[in-house]
Amino acid sequence: MASIQQGLRADRFEVSMVKLCRWFGVARRSVYYRATKAPPKVRPELAEPIKAMIEEEPSFGYRTVAGLLGMNKNTVQRIFQLKGWQVSKRAVGNRPRIQALPSVATAPDQRCATDLCRIWGGRDGWLTLALVIDCHTRQLLGWQLSRSGKASTAAAALEQALITRYGTLGRVPAPFLLRSDNGLVFTSRHYMRLVRSYGLKQEFITPHCPQQNGMVERVIRTLKEQCAHRHRFETQQHAMRVIADWIQFYNHRRPHQALGMKTPAEAYALAA
């Protein structure tokens, strides 16, 4: 109606809105009514525990927060969006990928993955962290933090993983695959001899293709984001205490989306 009135006015015909509504059989209130949408509201009893958790652990996403608080993930995501707490993910371009077997398994103790990363240890300088993860349950079975990046560091992590799973060292009852890259540590005679002595079989990824070992690479990234980058380690001992606490939290308390929001320990208990 307003556009019709303006068109008539341009032609020098002044017609009131009342007449126009009468001519076209339109109710005047429908012309003057402007729908207003009330701003969305967030219930404080829902937002406060979410805010407290992300202030304590800023790297947690809405799925992790919902799992830890026992809340509906859609409700938590909506609160994240309304409060401006959701972080946008960095756009990832199309990059070529090599087709290869993924580092997954259909049951526990079928395939494990291992890798090394560097952690700053304050007065002790750069430290090497070795991790061993079960590819089915995502459990961090073994780890070792040392000042050297030698094969002995990776070997200690592997032996801790075997003790965690079997309670003792020795040939495993059912041999499984151990996936790693082709670095000097994992292809050294000391490490390969140790792997064979326990009855395991090594599985190497294609050179320069870390995505083929993506499961343990993702765990390393999570550990750095949620643990290492949030602390200023003073010494190696300080780093070991903090990392040990985080691994305990990761295995027994942190829900995992790929496991149906179960913890790795719960996933192993259900599969065992």
Protein backbone atom coordinates (compact mmCIF):
# COMPACT_ATOMS: atom_id res chain seq x y z
CA MET A 1 0.00 0.00 0.00
CA ALA A 2 2.77 2.44 0.81
CA SER A 3 4.31 1.94 -2.62
CA ILE A 4 0.96 2.55 -4.32
CA GLN A 5 0.47 5.72 -2.31
CA GLN A 6 3.94 6.93 -3.25
CA GLY A 7 3.28 6.20 -6.94
CA LEU A 8 0.04 8.21 -6.88
CA ARG A 9 1.81 11.01 -5.04
CA ALA A 10 4.44 11.09 -7.79
CA ASP A 11 1.62 11.61 -10.29
CA ARG A 12 0.29 14.46 -8.10
CA PHE A 13 -2.66 12.50 -6.75
CA GLU A 14 -2.92 12.67 -2.97
CA VAL A 15 -4.90 9.70 -1.66
CA SER A 16 -5.09 8.82 2.02
CA MET A 17 -4.16 5.37 3.30
CA VAL A 18 -7.71 4.96 4.62
CA LYS A 19 -9.14 5.33 1.08
CA LEU A 20 -6.58 3.01 -0.42
CA CYS A 21 -7.35 0.30 2.13
CA ARG A 22 -11.10 0.74 1.44
CA TRP A 23 -10.60 0.53 -2.33
CA PHE A 24 -8.48 -2.63 -2.18
CA GLY A 25 -10.37 -4.26 0.69
CA VAL A 26 -7.31 -4.42 2.92
CA ALA A 27 -7.47 -4.05 6.71
CA ARG A 28 -5.64 -0.93 7.87
CA ARG A 29 -3.99 -2.72 10.78
CA SER A 30 -2.21 -5.07 8.36
CA VAL A 31 -0.69 -2.02 6.67
CA TYR A 32 0.54 -0.31 9.81
CA TYR A 33 1.60 -3.47 11.69
CA ARG A 34 5.30 -4.18 11.81
CA ALA A 35 6.27 -7.52 13.28
CA THR A 36 9.03 -7.26 15.86
CA LYS A 37 11.04 -10.28 16.90
CA ALA A 38 11.99 -10.41 20.52
CA PRO A 39 15.74 -10.85 21.08
CA PRO A 40 16.65 -14.43 22.03
CA LYS A 41 17.13 -15.01 25.72
CA VAL A 42 19.54 -17.38 27.44
CA ARG A 43 18.63 -18.88 30.78
CA PRO A 44 21.34 -18.03 33.33
CA GLU A 45 21.17 -21.46 34.97
CA LEU A 46 22.25 -22.99 31.64
CA ALA A 47 24.80 -20.38 30.59
CA GLU A 48 26.69 -20.04 33.88
CA PRO A 49 28.11 -23.62 34.11
CA ILE A 50 29.01 -23.47 30.41
CA LYS A 51 30.84 -20.18 30.89
CA ALA A 52 32.70 -21.52 33.94
CA MET A 53 33.89 -24.57 31.99
CA ILE A 54 35.14 -22.72 28.90
CA GLU A 55 36.88 -20.15 31.09
CA GLU A 56 38.73 -23.03 32.73
CA GLU A 57 39.31 -24.90 29.44
CA PRO A 58 39.04 -22.42 26.52
CA SER A 59 39.87 -25.07 23.93
CA PHE A 60 36.74 -27.15 24.64
CA GLY A 61 34.10 -27.16 21.90
CA TYR A 62 30.37 -27.32 22.47
CA ARG A 63 30.23 -31.12 22.06
CA THR A 64 32.85 -31.69 24.75
CA VAL A 65 31.17 -29.18 27.08
CA ALA A 66 27.78 -30.82 26.53
CA GLY A 67 29.23 -34.26 27.24
CA LEU A 68 30.97 -33.19 30.44
CA LEU A 69 27.95 -31.25 31.75
CA GLY A 70 25.39 -33.85 30.65
CA MET A 71 23.47 -31.28 28.56
CA ASN A 72 21.90 -31.42 25.11
CA LYS A 73 24.57 -30.53 22.54
CA ASN A 74 22.13 -28.45 20.43
CA THR A 75 21.26 -26.34 23.47
CA VAL A 76 24.93 -25.83 24.28
CA GLN A 77 25.73 -24.92 20.66
CA ARG A 78 22.88 -22.34 20.61
CA ILE A 79 24.20 -20.75 23.81
CA PHE A 80 27.71 -20.68 22.31
CA GLN A 81 26.37 -18.87 19.24
CA LEU A 82 24.18 -16.37 21.12
CA LYS A 83 26.94 -15.50 23.58
CA GLY A 84 29.63 -15.29 20.91
CA TRP A 85 31.68 -18.06 22.49
CA GLN A 86 31.95 -20.27 19.39
CA VAL A 87 35.26 -20.00 17.58
CA SER A 88 35.19 -20.13 13.79
CA LYS A 89 37.28 -22.87 12.27
CA ARG A 90 40.04 -21.95 9.90
CA ALA A 91 39.12 -22.62 6.28
CA VAL A 92 41.00 -25.59 4.85
CA GLY A 93 41.66 -25.62 1.13
CA ASN A 94 41.66 -28.62 -1.16
CA ARG A 95 44.94 -30.44 -0.83
CA PRO A 96 45.88 -33.70 -2.53
CA ARG A 97 45.61 -36.78 -0.34
CA ILE A 98 47.31 -40.10 -0.86
CA GLN A 99 45.02 -43.09 -0.76
CA ALA A 100 46.15 -45.42 1.99
CA LEU A 101 44.77 -47.55 4.78
CA PRO A 102 43.49 -45.29 7.57
CA SER A 103 44.86 -45.75 11.07
CA VAL A 104 41.69 -47.35 12.39
CA ALA A 105 40.78 -50.74 13.84
CA THR A 106 37.54 -52.65 14.41
CA ALA A 107 38.48 -53.85 17.90
CA PRO A 108 40.98 -53.03 20.64
CA ASP A 109 44.56 -54.32 20.32
CA GLN A 110 44.41 -54.66 16.53
CA ARG A 111 46.41 -51.57 15.61
CA CYS A 112 48.30 -48.99 17.65
CA ALA A 113 49.88 -45.78 16.39
CA THR A 114 52.94 -43.99 17.75
CA ASP A 115 54.68 -40.69 17.09
CA LEU A 116 56.99 -38.07 18.60
CA CYS A 117 56.54 -34.35 19.20
CA ARG A 118 58.46 -31.53 20.88
CA ILE A 119 57.44 -29.79 24.13
CA TRP A 120 59.16 -26.75 25.62
CA GLY A 121 60.41 -27.61 29.13
CA GLY A 122 61.57 -24.24 30.45
CA ARG A 123 65.02 -24.54 32.03
CA ASP A 124 65.42 -28.02 30.53
CA GLY A 125 64.91 -26.73 26.98
CA TRP A 126 63.11 -28.68 24.30
CA LEU A 127 61.81 -32.11 25.35
CA THR A 128 60.69 -35.05 23.23
CA LEU A 129 57.30 -36.61 23.94
CA ALA A 130 56.54 -40.10 22.60
CA LEU A 131 52.94 -41.34 22.53
CA VAL A 132 51.30 -44.70 21.81
CA ILE A 133 47.54 -44.78 21.13
CA ASP A 134 45.09 -47.61 20.51
CA CYS A 135 43.45 -46.90 17.15
CA HIS A 136 40.07 -48.36 18.15
CA THR A 137 39.48 -46.95 21.62
CA ARG A 138 41.67 -43.82 21.23
CA GLN A 139 43.27 -44.68 24.56
CA LEU A 140 46.67 -43.17 25.28
CA LEU A 141 48.34 -46.35 26.46
CA GLY A 142 51.95 -45.22 26.80
CA TRP A 143 53.99 -42.06 26.84
CA GLN A 144 57.50 -40.92 27.68
CA LEU A 145 59.01 -37.45 28.04
CA SER A 146 62.76 -37.06 27.82
CA ARG A 147 65.49 -34.58 26.89
CA SER A 148 66.63 -36.68 23.95
CA GLY A 149 64.76 -37.78 20.89
CA LYS A 150 66.50 -41.14 20.70
CA ALA A 151 64.93 -44.53 20.07
CA SER A 152 65.02 -45.24 23.81
CA THR A 153 62.29 -42.61 24.33
CA ALA A 154 59.94 -44.25 21.83
CA ALA A 155 60.83 -47.69 23.23
CA ALA A 156 59.94 -46.61 26.78
CA ALA A 157 56.53 -45.35 25.58
CA LEU A 158 55.89 -48.66 23.80
CA GLU A 159 56.83 -50.70 26.86
CA GLN A 160 54.58 -48.59 29.07
CA ALA A 161 51.73 -49.21 26.61
CA LEU A 162 52.28 -52.97 26.80
CA ILE A 163 52.33 -52.86 30.61
CA THR A 164 49.15 -50.78 30.63
CA ARG A 165 47.35 -53.25 28.39
CA TYR A 166 48.78 -56.61 29.51
CA GLY A 167 50.19 -55.90 32.98
CA THR A 168 53.67 -57.16 32.14
CA LEU A 169 56.36 -57.14 29.46
CA GLY A 170 56.81 -60.06 27.12
CA ARG A 171 55.47 -61.39 23.86
CA VAL A 172 51.89 -60.28 23.41
CA PRO A 173 49.22 -63.01 23.27
CA ALA A 174 47.80 -61.67 19.98
CA PRO A 175 50.24 -59.69 17.80
CA PHE A 176 48.97 -56.30 16.59
CA LEU A 177 50.17 -53.70 14.09
CA LEU A 178 52.20 -50.72 15.26
CA ARG A 179 51.90 -47.80 12.84
CA SER A 180 54.50 -45.03 12.67
CA ASP A 181 56.30 -42.78 10.24
CA ASN A 182 59.63 -43.60 8.61
CA GLY A 183 61.74 -41.49 10.95
CA LEU A 184 65.16 -42.51 12.16
CA VAL A 185 63.77 -43.40 15.59
CA PHE A 186 61.19 -45.94 14.39
CA THR A 187 63.47 -47.46 11.75
CA SER A 188 66.48 -47.79 14.04
CA ARG A 189 67.84 -51.26 14.72
CA HIS A 190 67.25 -50.87 18.47
CA TYR A 191 63.56 -50.00 18.08
CA MET A 192 62.80 -52.55 15.35
CA ARG A 193 64.53 -55.29 17.34
CA LEU A 194 62.43 -54.36 20.40
CA VAL A 195 59.18 -54.43 18.41
CA ARG A 196 59.97 -57.89 17.02
CA SER A 197 60.91 -59.20 20.47
CA TYR A 198 57.37 -58.48 21.69
CA GLY A 199 55.80 -60.20 18.69
CA LEU A 200 54.53 -57.01 17.07
CA LYS A 201 54.53 -56.04 13.41
CA GLN A 202 55.52 -52.56 12.28
CA GLU A 203 53.45 -50.68 9.72
CA PHE A 204 54.95 -47.59 8.06
CA ILE A 205 53.12 -44.73 6.40
CA THR A 206 54.08 -43.26 3.03
CA PRO A 207 56.99 -40.84 3.43
CA HIS A 208 55.95 -37.18 3.87
CA CYS A 209 52.28 -38.13 4.37
CA PRO A 210 51.56 -37.60 8.09
CA GLN A 211 47.81 -37.67 7.42
CA GLN A 212 48.10 -41.44 7.12
CA ASN A 213 48.96 -41.45 10.82
CA GLY A 214 46.23 -38.92 11.48
CA MET A 215 44.85 -40.45 14.67
CA VAL A 216 47.96 -39.99 16.77
CA GLU A 217 48.71 -36.68 15.02
CA ARG A 218 45.29 -35.41 16.13
CA VAL A 219 45.90 -36.54 19.71
CA ILE A 220 49.21 -34.65 19.72
CA ARG A 221 47.44 -31.52 18.50
CA THR A 222 44.77 -31.88 21.20
CA LEU A 223 47.41 -32.41 23.89
CA LYS A 224 49.26 -29.28 22.79
CA GLU A 225 46.11 -27.14 22.58
CA GLN A 226 44.52 -28.30 25.83
CA CYS A 227 47.61 -28.93 27.93
CA ALA A 228 51.09 -27.89 26.73
CA HIS A 229 50.14 -24.49 25.29
CA ARG A 230 48.14 -23.56 28.38
CA HIS A 231 51.01 -24.02 30.82
CA ARG A 232 54.44 -22.50 31.16
CA PHE A 233 56.50 -25.54 32.08
CA GLU A 234 59.47 -24.70 34.29
CA THR A 235 61.28 -28.05 34.12
CA GLN A 236 60.93 -31.53 32.71
CA GLN A 237 59.48 -32.77 36.01
CA HIS A 238 56.86 -30.03 35.98
CA ALA A 239 55.87 -30.94 32.42
CA MET A 240 55.64 -34.64 33.30
CA ARG A 241 53.25 -33.97 36.21
CA VAL A 242 50.94 -31.78 34.15
CA ILE A 243 50.94 -34.09 31.11
CA ALA A 244 50.28 -37.14 33.29
CA ASP A 245 47.23 -35.43 34.82
CA TRP A 246 45.94 -34.46 31.38
CA ILE A 247 46.36 -37.98 29.98
CA GLN A 248 44.42 -39.34 32.96
CA PHE A 249 41.68 -36.81 32.20
CA TYR A 250 41.77 -37.66 28.48
CA ASN A 251 41.43 -41.41 29.04
CA HIS A 252 38.82 -41.39 31.81
CA ARG A 253 36.83 -38.14 31.76
CA ARG A 254 37.00 -36.42 28.37
CA PRO A 255 34.19 -37.57 25.99
CA HIS A 256 35.23 -38.32 22.42
CA GLN A 257 32.96 -37.55 19.48
CA ALA A 258 34.27 -40.46 17.38
CA LEU A 259 33.36 -42.81 20.25
CA GLY A 260 29.77 -41.62 20.54
CA MET A 261 30.71 -39.14 23.30
CA LYS A 262 32.18 -41.93 25.44
CA THR A 263 35.59 -41.72 27.04
CA PRO A 264 38.37 -44.01 25.73
CA ALA A 265 38.22 -46.03 28.96
CA GLU A 266 34.46 -46.52 28.54
CA ALA A 267 34.92 -47.53 24.90
CA TYR A 268 37.50 -50.15 25.91
CA ALA A 269 35.26 -51.51 28.69
CA LEU A 270 32.38 -51.92 26.25
CA ALA A 271 34.54 -53.56 23.57
CA ALA A 272 36.48 -55.87 25.88
